[in-house]
Amino acid sequence: MERARGALYEFHQLSGHADLTLIEAISGLEDAGHPGIAANIPEELYGRNVLDGRWTFQIVEEYDELYYRPFVEVDEEVRRRLTDGMRHVHEARMKARERARAAIRQASRRLARISPITNRPTHTTA
């Protein structure tokens, strides 16, 4: 759901960028001596609705209101009931597990450097 929302925002930003680029192209045509051609473009393209009656910001707002916010609210309620509101429970457990494994590996390496004869760390000189 977050990725879909991100893609929608990207669509919104890219469409807006296209409109700004169009303004530059119109100015370029005028500067190049083609004011007649440049004059027709704003009427045909600039500021158009991307969907019937709507610009991209309106699509983003409608998506947020009708889909995203209710989804987030339900997700938060389920999380509150099942995990006391904690987020990323799986990832937190995975992090703890990986840190424990790393600590064991590090302790094993330290033990491997202890001399079995003196029971002290071995030293290497360079």
Protein backbone atom coordinates (compact mmCIF):
# COMPACT_ATOMS: atom_id res chain seq x y z
CA MET A 1 0.00 0.00 0.00
CA GLU A 2 2.83 2.42 0.81
CA ARG A 3 4.52 1.64 -2.49
CA ALA A 4 1.27 2.25 -4.38
CA ARG A 5 0.88 5.59 -2.61
CA GLY A 6 4.48 6.44 -3.44
CA ALA A 7 3.90 5.60 -7.09
CA LEU A 8 0.84 7.85 -7.10
CA TYR A 9 2.87 10.70 -5.62
CA GLU A 10 5.58 10.08 -8.19
CA PHE A 11 2.92 10.27 -10.93
CA HIS A 12 1.76 13.58 -9.42
CA GLN A 13 5.29 15.00 -9.31
CA LEU A 14 6.21 13.80 -12.79
CA SER A 15 3.03 15.27 -14.24
CA GLY A 16 3.74 18.59 -12.55
CA HIS A 17 7.30 18.51 -13.85
CA ALA A 18 5.96 17.87 -17.36
CA ASP A 19 3.78 20.98 -17.08
CA LEU A 20 6.78 23.06 -15.97
CA THR A 21 8.86 21.65 -18.82
CA LEU A 22 6.04 22.55 -21.20
CA ILE A 23 6.23 26.19 -20.06
CA GLU A 24 9.96 26.17 -20.86
CA ALA A 25 9.27 24.64 -24.28
CA ILE A 26 6.67 27.31 -25.06
CA SER A 27 9.16 30.03 -24.11
CA GLY A 28 11.79 28.31 -26.25
CA LEU A 29 9.49 28.30 -29.26
CA GLU A 30 8.72 31.99 -28.76
CA ASP A 31 12.43 32.81 -28.37
CA ALA A 32 13.20 30.83 -31.53
CA GLY A 33 10.77 32.96 -33.53
CA HIS A 34 7.72 30.67 -33.54
CA PRO A 35 5.15 32.62 -31.51
CA GLY A 36 2.24 31.28 -33.58
CA ILE A 37 3.06 27.68 -32.76
CA ALA A 38 3.82 28.57 -29.14
CA ALA A 39 0.46 30.35 -28.79
CA ASN A 40 -1.56 27.20 -29.55
CA ILE A 41 0.17 24.93 -27.07
CA PRO A 42 -1.15 26.41 -23.80
CA GLU A 43 -4.72 26.07 -25.05
CA GLU A 44 -4.18 22.44 -25.98
CA LEU A 45 -1.92 21.14 -23.23
CA TYR A 46 -1.02 23.42 -20.37
CA GLY A 47 -3.12 22.97 -17.23
CA ARG A 48 -5.16 20.08 -18.57
CA ASN A 49 -7.00 17.72 -16.28
CA VAL A 50 -5.33 14.33 -16.15
CA LEU A 51 -8.65 12.67 -15.33
CA ASP A 52 -12.10 14.09 -15.99
CA GLY A 53 -12.31 17.24 -13.91
CA ARG A 54 -9.22 16.55 -11.83
CA TRP A 55 -5.59 17.50 -11.62
CA THR A 56 -3.13 15.10 -10.05
CA PHE A 57 -3.25 16.76 -6.61
CA GLN A 58 -6.98 16.03 -6.49
CA ILE A 59 -6.36 12.39 -7.35
CA VAL A 60 -3.77 12.15 -4.57
CA GLU A 61 -6.15 13.78 -2.09
CA GLU A 62 -9.00 11.47 -3.05
CA TYR A 63 -6.77 8.40 -2.79
CA ASP A 64 -5.58 9.50 0.64
CA GLU A 65 -9.10 10.17 1.87
CA LEU A 66 -10.92 7.16 0.41
CA TYR A 67 -8.25 4.48 0.62
CA TYR A 68 -5.00 5.34 2.37
CA ARG A 69 -6.30 6.87 5.62
CA PRO A 70 -8.89 4.15 6.32
CA PHE A 71 -6.24 1.50 5.61
CA VAL A 72 -3.82 3.16 8.04
CA GLU A 73 -6.53 3.50 10.69
CA VAL A 74 -7.43 -0.19 10.50
CA ASP A 75 -3.75 -1.17 10.53
CA GLU A 76 -3.14 0.96 13.63
CA GLU A 77 -6.16 -0.52 15.41
CA VAL A 78 -5.08 -4.10 14.68
CA ARG A 79 -1.51 -3.28 15.78
CA ARG A 80 -2.80 -1.65 18.98
CA ARG A 81 -4.83 -4.74 19.83
CA LEU A 82 -2.23 -7.36 18.91
CA THR A 83 1.15 -5.76 19.62
CA ASP A 84 0.36 -2.96 22.07
CA GLY A 85 0.87 -0.52 19.22
CA MET A 86 4.41 -1.64 18.45
CA ARG A 87 5.43 -1.32 14.81
CA HIS A 88 7.82 -3.59 12.91
CA VAL A 89 7.63 -6.40 15.46
CA HIS A 90 9.02 -8.98 13.03
CA GLU A 91 11.94 -6.74 12.12
CA ALA A 92 12.70 -5.97 15.78
CA ARG A 93 12.84 -9.70 16.55
CA MET A 94 15.05 -10.30 13.52
CA LYS A 95 17.40 -7.51 14.65
CA ALA A 96 17.68 -9.00 18.16
CA ARG A 97 18.33 -12.46 16.70
CA GLU A 98 21.03 -11.17 14.34
CA ARG A 99 22.74 -9.16 17.08
CA ALA A 100 22.76 -12.25 19.33
CA ARG A 101 24.33 -14.31 16.54
CA ALA A 102 26.93 -11.60 15.92
CA ALA A 103 27.81 -11.51 19.63
CA ILE A 104 28.26 -15.30 19.65
CA ARG A 105 30.51 -15.12 16.57
CA GLN A 106 32.56 -12.35 18.11
CA ALA A 107 32.96 -14.27 21.39
CA SER A 108 33.98 -17.37 19.43
CA ARG A 109 36.67 -15.38 17.62
CA ARG A 110 38.00 -14.01 20.91
CA LEU A 111 38.11 -17.50 22.38
CA ALA A 112 39.91 -18.80 19.31
CA ARG A 113 42.71 -16.28 19.95
CA ILE A 114 43.36 -17.55 23.50
CA SER A 115 46.35 -19.84 23.84
CA PRO A 116 45.43 -23.29 25.16
CA ILE A 117 48.79 -23.43 26.97
CA THR A 118 48.79 -20.11 28.82
CA ASN A 119 45.04 -19.47 28.77
CA ARG A 120 45.89 -15.91 27.69
CA PRO A 121 45.29 -14.06 24.46
CA THR A 122 47.85 -14.74 21.80
CA HIS A 123 49.64 -11.70 20.46
CA THR A 124 50.87 -11.27 16.96
CA THR A 125 53.56 -8.80 16.06
CA ALA A 126 53.82 -7.20 12.74
